[in-house]
C-alpha atoms as a PDB file:
ATOM      1  CA  MET A   1       0.275  -0.082  -0.064  1.00  0.00           C
ATOM      2  CA  ALA A   2       1.570   3.651  -1.150  1.00  0.00           C
ATOM      3  CA  GLU A   3       2.064   5.983   2.183  1.00  0.00           C
ATOM      4  CA  LYS A   4      -0.528   8.669   2.269  1.00  0.00           C
ATOM      5  CA  LYS A   5       0.804  12.175   1.074  1.00  0.00           C
ATOM      6  CA  PRO A   6       1.470  14.401   4.523  1.00  0.00           C
ATOM      7  CA  GLN A   7      -0.878  16.365   5.481  1.00  0.00           C
ATOM      8  CA  THR A   8      -0.856  20.419   6.039  1.00  0.00           C
ATOM      9  CA  PHE A   9      -3.357  23.191   5.852  1.00  0.00           C
ATOM     10  CA  ALA A  10      -2.801  23.888   2.487  1.00  0.00           C
ATOM     11  CA  ASN A  11      -3.942  20.124   1.204  1.00  0.00           C
ATOM     12  CA  HIS A  12      -6.397  18.487   4.253  1.00  0.00           C
ATOM     13  CA  ALA A  13      -9.408  19.727   2.178  1.00  0.00           C
ATOM     14  CA  ARG A  14     -10.724  16.967   0.640  1.00  0.00           C
ATOM     15  CA  PHE A  15     -13.307  16.070  -2.737  1.00  0.00           C
ATOM     16  CA  ASP A  16     -15.473  13.114  -2.619  1.00  0.00           C
ATOM     17  CA  PRO A  17     -15.045  12.135  -5.975  1.00  0.00           C
ATOM     18  CA  PRO A  18     -18.519  10.752  -6.146  1.00  0.00           C
ATOM     19  CA  PHE A  19     -20.424  13.434  -4.445  1.00  0.00           C
ATOM     20  CA  HIS A  20     -18.458  16.434  -5.851  1.00  0.00           C
ATOM     21  CA  PHE A  21     -17.628  15.592  -9.420  1.00  0.00           C
ATOM     22  CA  PHE A  22     -20.957  13.222 -10.071  1.00  0.00           C
ATOM     23  CA  LEU A  23     -23.868  13.678  -7.558  1.00  0.00           C
ATOM     24  CA  LEU A  24     -23.501  17.156  -7.961  1.00  0.00           C
ATOM     25  CA  PRO A  25     -23.171  17.926 -11.448  1.00  0.00           C
ATOM     26  CA  VAL A  26     -25.833  15.288 -12.528  1.00  0.00           C
ATOM     27  CA  PHE A  27     -28.446  16.481 -10.302  1.00  0.00           C
ATOM     28  CA  GLY A  28     -27.362  20.315 -10.580  1.00  0.00           C
ATOM     29  CA  LEU A  29     -28.305  19.591 -14.519  1.00  0.00           C
ATOM     30  CA  GLY A  30     -31.593  18.143 -14.047  1.00  0.00           C
ATOM     31  CA  VAL A  31     -32.270  21.272 -12.052  1.00  0.00           C
ATOM     32  CA  ILE A  32     -31.037  23.303 -15.022  1.00  0.00           C
ATOM     33  CA  LEU A  33     -32.651  20.976 -17.749  1.00  0.00           C
ATOM     34  CA  ALA A  34     -36.238  21.338 -15.677  1.00  0.00           C
ATOM     35  CA  LEU A  35     -35.794  24.877 -16.056  1.00  0.00           C
ATOM     36  CA  ILE A  36     -35.350  24.621 -19.668  1.00  0.00           C
ATOM     37  CA  HIS A  37     -38.164  22.327 -20.219  1.00  0.00           C
ATOM     38  CA  PHE A  38     -40.273  24.655 -18.609  1.00  0.00           C
ATOM     39  CA  PHE A  39     -39.645  27.681 -20.253  1.00  0.00           C
ATOM     40  CA  ALA A  40     -39.587  25.886 -23.530  1.00  0.00           C
ATOM     41  CA  HIS A  41     -43.521  24.733 -22.405  1.00  0.00           C
ATOM     42  CA  ILE A  42     -44.399  28.004 -20.962  1.00  0.00           C
ATOM     43  CA  THR A  43     -46.334  29.498 -24.430  1.00  0.00           C
ATOM     44  CA  GLU A  44     -47.992  25.577 -25.148  1.00  0.00           C
ATOM     45  CA  PRO A  45     -51.718  25.656 -25.185  1.00  0.00           C
ATOM     46  CA  GLY A  46     -53.002  23.585 -22.317  1.00  0.00           C
ATOM     47  CA  LEU A  47     -52.041  23.656 -19.050  1.00  0.00           C
ATOM     48  CA  HIS A  48     -51.150  20.040 -18.488  1.00  0.00           C
ATOM     49  CA  HIS A  49     -47.139  21.146 -20.340  1.00  0.00           C
ATOM     50  CA  ARG A  50     -47.075  23.496 -18.083  1.00  0.00           C
ATOM     51  CA  VAL A  51     -47.850  21.720 -14.827  1.00  0.00           C
ATOM     52  CA  HIS A  52     -45.858  18.916 -15.968  1.00  0.00           C
ATOM     53  CA  ALA A  53     -43.202  21.136 -16.980  1.00  0.00           C
ATOM     54  CA  PHE A  54     -43.190  22.757 -13.279  1.00  0.00           C
ATOM     55  CA  LEU A  55     -43.500  19.873 -11.309  1.00  0.00           C
ATOM     56  CA  LEU A  56     -40.370  18.357 -13.052  1.00  0.00           C
ATOM     57  CA  ILE A  57     -38.544  21.620 -11.740  1.00  0.00           C
ATOM     58  CA  VAL A  58     -39.836  20.712  -8.363  1.00  0.00           C
ATOM     59  CA  LEU A  59     -38.778  17.162  -8.498  1.00  0.00           C
ATOM     60  CA  ALA A  60     -35.524  18.090 -10.069  1.00  0.00           C
ATOM     61  CA  VAL A  61     -35.225  20.965  -6.827  1.00  0.00           C
ATOM     62  CA  ALA A  62     -35.842  17.871  -4.376  1.00  0.00           C
ATOM     63  CA  CYS A  63     -33.554  15.541  -5.798  1.00  0.00           C
ATOM     64  CA  LEU A  64     -30.892  18.284  -5.510  1.00  0.00           C
ATOM     65  CA  LEU A  65     -31.674  19.196  -2.188  1.00  0.00           C
ATOM     66  CA  LEU A  66     -31.353  15.695  -0.980  1.00  0.00           C
ATOM     67  CA  VAL A  67     -28.288  15.243  -2.401  1.00  0.00           C
ATOM     68  CA  PHE A  68     -27.229  18.146  -0.026  1.00  0.00           C
ATOM     69  CA  LYS A  69     -28.847  17.361   2.815  1.00  0.00           C
ATOM     70  CA  VAL A  70     -27.944  13.549   2.589  1.00  0.00           C
ATOM     71  CA  ARG A  71     -23.785  15.259   2.316  1.00  0.00           C
ATOM     72  CA  LEU A  72     -24.796  17.450   5.546  1.00  0.00           C
ATOM     73  CA  TYR A  73     -26.427  15.126   8.104  1.00  0.00           C
ATOM     74  CA  ALA A  74     -23.009  13.069   7.230  1.00  0.00           C
ATOM     75  CA  LEU A  75     -20.833  15.594   8.307  1.00  0.00           C
ATOM     76  CA  ARG A  76     -22.858  16.899  11.194  1.00  0.00           C
ATOM     77  CA  VAL A  77     -22.523  13.827  12.534  1.00  0.00           C
ATOM     78  CA  GLN A  78     -19.109  13.743  11.896  1.00  0.00           C
ATOM     79  CA  ASP A  79     -18.453  17.050  13.279  1.00  0.00           C
ATOM     80  CA  ARG A  80     -20.289  15.749  16.481  1.00  0.00           C
ATOM     81  CA  VAL A  81     -17.698  12.514  16.682  1.00  0.00           C
ATOM     82  CA  ILE A  82     -15.112  14.750  16.324  1.00  0.00           C
ATOM     83  CA  ARG A  83     -16.413  16.919  19.053  1.00  0.00           C
ATOM     84  CA  LEU A  84     -16.576  14.313  21.525  1.00  0.00           C
ATOM     85  CA  GLU A  85     -12.861  12.866  20.337  1.00  0.00           C
ATOM     86  CA  GLU A  86     -11.460  16.030  21.185  1.00  0.00           C
ATOM     87  CA  ARG A  87     -12.914  16.861  24.417  1.00  0.00           C
ATOM     88  CA  LEU A  88     -12.079  13.225  25.278  1.00  0.00           C
ATOM     89  CA  ARG A  89      -8.184  13.908  24.016  1.00  0.00           C
ATOM     90  CA  LEU A  90      -8.274  17.203  25.746  1.00  0.00           C
ATOM     91  CA  SER A  91      -9.087  15.935  29.293  1.00  0.00           C
ATOM     92  CA  GLN A  92      -6.393  13.855  28.791  1.00  0.00           C
ATOM     93  CA  LEU A  93      -3.476  15.948  27.931  1.00  0.00           C
ATOM     94  CA  LEU A  94      -4.003  18.866  29.273  1.00  0.00           C
ATOM     95  CA  ALA A  95      -3.273  20.214  32.966  1.00  0.00           C
ATOM     96  CA  GLU A  96      -5.777  22.414  35.149  1.00  0.00           C
ATOM     97  CA  PRO A  97      -6.553  25.361  34.708  1.00  0.00           C
ATOM     98  CA  LEU A  98      -7.140  24.440  31.051  1.00  0.00           C
ATOM     99  CA  ARG A  99      -8.439  21.203  31.737  1.00  0.00           C
ATOM    100  CA  SER A 100     -11.789  22.903  33.575  1.00  0.00           C
ATOM    101  CA  ARG A 101     -11.941  25.017  30.368  1.00  0.00           C
ATOM    102  CA  ILE A 102     -12.524  22.593  27.873  1.00  0.00           C
ATOM    103  CA  SER A 103     -16.498  23.527  27.853  1.00  0.00           C
ATOM    104  CA  GLU A 104     -15.446  26.902  27.076  1.00  0.00           C
ATOM    105  CA  LEU A 105     -14.077  26.062  23.076  1.00  0.00           C
ATOM    106  CA  SER A 106     -16.436  25.898  20.696  1.00  0.00           C
ATOM    107  CA  GLU A 107     -17.686  23.224  18.292  1.00  0.00           C
ATOM    108  CA  ASP A 108     -15.646  25.119  15.175  1.00  0.00           C
ATOM    109  CA  GLN A 109     -12.850  25.321  17.672  1.00  0.00           C
ATOM    110  CA  LEU A 110     -12.536  21.544  18.480  1.00  0.00           C
ATOM    111  CA  ILE A 111     -12.798  20.852  15.002  1.00  0.00           C
ATOM    112  CA  GLY A 112      -9.843  22.940  14.097  1.00  0.00           C
ATOM    113  CA  LEU A 113      -7.860  21.340  17.388  1.00  0.00           C
ATOM    114  CA  ARG A 114      -8.032  18.241  16.004  1.00  0.00           C
ATOM    115  CA  PHE A 115      -5.518  18.611  13.798  1.00  0.00           C
ATOM    116  CA  ALA A 116      -2.716  19.464  16.344  1.00  0.00           C
ATOM    117  CA  SER A 117       0.144  17.460  17.777  1.00  0.00           C
ATOM    118  CA  ASP A 118      -0.155  16.781  21.033  1.00  0.00           C
ATOM    119  CA  ALA A 119       2.502  18.215  22.304  1.00  0.00           C
ATOM    120  CA  GLU A 120       1.139  22.148  20.935  1.00  0.00           C
ATOM    121  CA  ILE A 121      -2.279  21.407  22.093  1.00  0.00           C
ATOM    122  CA  PRO A 122      -1.842  23.019  25.351  1.00  0.00           C
ATOM    123  CA  LYS A 123      -0.711  26.347  23.910  1.00  0.00           C
ATOM    124  CA  LEU A 124      -3.127  26.140  21.106  1.00  0.00           C
ATOM    125  CA  VAL A 125      -6.060  25.579  23.584  1.00  0.00           C
ATOM    126  CA  GLU A 126      -4.796  28.823  25.639  1.00  0.00           C
ATOM    127  CA  ARG A 127      -4.677  30.890  22.486  1.00  0.00           C
ATOM    128  CA  ALA A 128      -7.810  29.731  20.842  1.00  0.00           C
ATOM    129  CA  LEU A 129      -9.545  30.630  24.437  1.00  0.00           C
ATOM    130  CA  ASN A 130      -8.134  33.589  24.641  1.00  0.00           C
ATOM    131  CA  GLU A 131      -8.121  35.408  21.471  1.00  0.00           C
ATOM    132  CA  LYS A 132     -11.031  33.772  20.559  1.00  0.00           C
ATOM    133  CA  LEU A 133      -9.346  32.116  17.521  1.00  0.00           C
ATOM    134  CA  SER A 134     -11.512  30.604  14.415  1.00  0.00           C
ATOM    135  CA  ARG A 135     -11.583  26.995  13.018  1.00  0.00           C
ATOM    136  CA  LYS A 136      -9.027  28.565  10.046  1.00  0.00           C
ATOM    137  CA  GLU A 137      -6.778  30.600  12.112  1.00  0.00           C
ATOM    138  CA  ILE A 138      -6.586  27.555  14.807  1.00  0.00           C
ATOM    139  CA  LYS A 139      -5.869  24.959  11.610  1.00  0.00           C
ATOM    140  CA  GLN A 140      -2.803  28.003  10.328  1.00  0.00           C
ATOM    141  CA  ALA A 141      -1.410  28.423  13.989  1.00  0.00           C
ATOM    142  CA  ILE A 142      -0.399  24.614  13.405  1.00  0.00           C
ATOM    143  CA  GLN A 143       3.427  23.405  13.656  1.00  0.00           C
ATOM    144  CA  ASN A 144       3.172  19.796  13.933  1.00  0.00           C
ATOM    145  CA  TRP A 145      -0.142  18.486  11.768  1.00  0.00           C
ATOM    146  CA  ARG A 146      -1.799  15.767  12.441  1.00  0.00           C
ATOM    147  CA  PRO A 147      -3.370  13.866   9.830  1.00  0.00           C
ATOM    148  CA  ASP A 148      -7.247  13.008   9.606  1.00  0.00           C
ATOM    149  CA  TYR A 149      -7.662  10.938   6.633  1.00  0.00           C
ATOM    150  CA  TRP A 150     -11.148   9.402   7.440  1.00  0.00           C
ATOM    151  CA  ARG A 151     -12.824  12.781   7.014  1.00  0.00           C
ATOM    152  CA  VAL A 152     -16.100  12.517   4.699  1.00  0.00           C
END
């Protein structure tokens, strides 16, 4: 098995080819084609052509929305698991008084901290709390990247 490319802030974002390069384009194209179909039939006599064309738009938009919602639900569950993992990890790595402040970290901060090595966690948590660092700022501050190859 080939070794994975080391993760950094610059390359940690990930594409899911079936989602980003197949499902989104197919269902996006479906919405566009349904709109074209609707406007091509808007002037035809008879209500049934317009109703049919309108229902195709509704169906295409519903399918596109379904694709997005399924993806977002999976990401939301994953973020909840990351939040739990990081709280557990921080409770083991941090000394008092930082350990008692774990609950002050936002979900975004916890998700950003998952990439930090164990050695730099205490200082980074302190900075995140005191400076109200965003997820992106935390990731940019990480010196020793701890990869997450399992992110959906």
